[in-house]
């Protein structure tokens, strides 16, 4: 259930990144940092902390420009893939 909540949070965060765009920004830097930190994680505790930190850093998504939407989406998608991989590894038969 925790995995599903994290996945929904990531999807919602990605949606918010796309819908509130306006500059290079803290938003893009937050998405890139989230991608880097989430993909460096080896366990669910690390992923949870990384996601929490991204949520805190992503509060100012209005700073993103419309031209950054693709880069933010790419970073968020890559981070989501890493989070999903690590989250699913903890479920028997899902490796």
Protein backbone atom coordinates (compact mmCIF):
# COMPACT_ATOMS: atom_id res chain seq x y z
CA UNK A 1 0.00 0.00 0.00
CA UNK A 2 2.90 2.34 0.79
CA UNK A 3 4.28 1.71 -2.70
CA UNK A 4 0.98 2.72 -4.26
CA UNK A 5 0.88 5.92 -2.19
CA UNK A 6 4.39 6.82 -3.29
CA UNK A 7 3.52 6.12 -6.93
CA UNK A 8 0.41 8.32 -6.71
CA UNK A 9 2.42 11.07 -5.02
CA UNK A 10 4.94 10.95 -7.84
CA UNK A 11 2.26 11.09 -10.49
CA UNK A 12 0.57 14.00 -8.73
CA UNK A 13 3.90 15.79 -8.35
CA UNK A 14 4.65 15.33 -12.04
CA UNK A 15 1.20 16.65 -12.93
CA UNK A 16 1.70 19.68 -10.71
CA UNK A 17 5.06 20.34 -12.33
CA UNK A 18 3.46 20.46 -15.74
CA UNK A 19 0.42 22.51 -14.83
CA UNK A 20 2.12 25.24 -12.82
CA UNK A 21 5.01 26.07 -15.11
CA UNK A 22 6.77 29.54 -15.35
CA UNK A 23 10.90 29.78 -15.18
CA UNK A 24 14.46 27.80 -14.73
CA UNK A 25 13.90 27.46 -11.63
CA UNK A 26 13.82 25.92 -8.35
CA UNK A 27 11.29 23.57 -9.92
CA UNK A 28 13.70 22.19 -12.49
CA UNK A 29 16.53 22.02 -9.99
CA UNK A 30 14.25 20.19 -7.54
CA UNK A 31 13.18 17.68 -10.21
CA UNK A 32 16.77 17.03 -11.27
CA UNK A 33 17.93 16.64 -7.67
CA UNK A 34 15.03 14.28 -7.00
CA UNK A 35 15.99 12.17 -10.00
CA UNK A 36 19.60 12.00 -8.84
CA UNK A 37 18.77 11.17 -5.23
CA UNK A 38 15.95 8.69 -5.97
CA UNK A 39 18.04 6.76 -8.47
CA UNK A 40 20.95 6.59 -6.02
CA UNK A 41 18.74 4.91 -3.40
CA UNK A 42 19.13 1.25 -2.57
CA UNK A 43 16.22 0.81 -0.16
CA UNK A 44 12.69 2.02 0.56
CA UNK A 45 13.74 4.23 3.48
CA UNK A 46 16.05 6.19 1.20
CA UNK A 47 13.33 6.48 -1.47
CA UNK A 48 10.83 7.72 1.12
CA UNK A 49 13.26 10.36 2.36
CA UNK A 50 14.10 11.42 -1.19
CA UNK A 51 10.41 11.72 -2.07
CA UNK A 52 9.72 13.70 1.09
CA UNK A 53 12.57 16.09 0.32
CA UNK A 54 11.30 16.53 -3.24
CA UNK A 55 7.85 17.34 -1.92
CA UNK A 56 9.33 20.06 0.28
CA UNK A 57 11.50 21.45 -2.52
CA UNK A 58 8.73 21.29 -5.10
CA UNK A 59 6.39 23.62 -3.22
CA UNK A 60 7.38 26.49 -5.48
CA UNK A 61 6.56 24.91 -8.81
CA UNK A 62 5.25 28.21 -10.12
CA UNK A 63 8.86 29.18 -10.76
CA UNK A 64 9.13 26.73 -13.68
CA UNK A 65 8.94 28.08 -17.23
CA UNK A 66 6.85 26.46 -19.91
CA UNK A 67 10.07 25.70 -21.78
CA UNK A 68 11.25 23.57 -18.85
CA UNK A 69 8.24 21.28 -18.85
CA UNK A 70 9.96 18.63 -20.95
CA UNK A 71 13.09 18.56 -18.75
CA UNK A 72 11.02 18.46 -15.57
CA UNK A 73 8.85 15.67 -16.97
CA UNK A 74 11.92 13.68 -18.00
CA UNK A 75 13.57 14.04 -14.58
CA UNK A 76 10.33 13.19 -12.77
CA UNK A 77 9.68 10.19 -15.01
CA UNK A 78 13.18 8.86 -14.46
CA UNK A 79 12.85 9.35 -10.71
CA UNK A 80 9.47 7.59 -10.75
CA UNK A 81 10.99 4.62 -12.55
CA UNK A 82 13.74 4.36 -9.93
CA UNK A 83 11.26 4.67 -7.05
CA UNK A 84 8.96 2.06 -8.56
CA UNK A 85 11.85 -0.36 -9.10
CA UNK A 86 13.02 -0.08 -5.51
CA UNK A 87 9.48 -0.17 -4.11
CA UNK A 88 8.55 -3.26 -6.09
CA UNK A 89 11.73 -5.04 -5.03
CA UNK A 90 10.29 -5.27 -1.52
CA UNK A 91 7.22 -7.17 -2.72
CA UNK A 92 7.69 -10.94 -3.00
CA UNK A 93 7.58 -12.10 -6.60
CA UNK A 94 7.87 -8.57 -8.03
CA UNK A 95 11.63 -8.26 -8.57
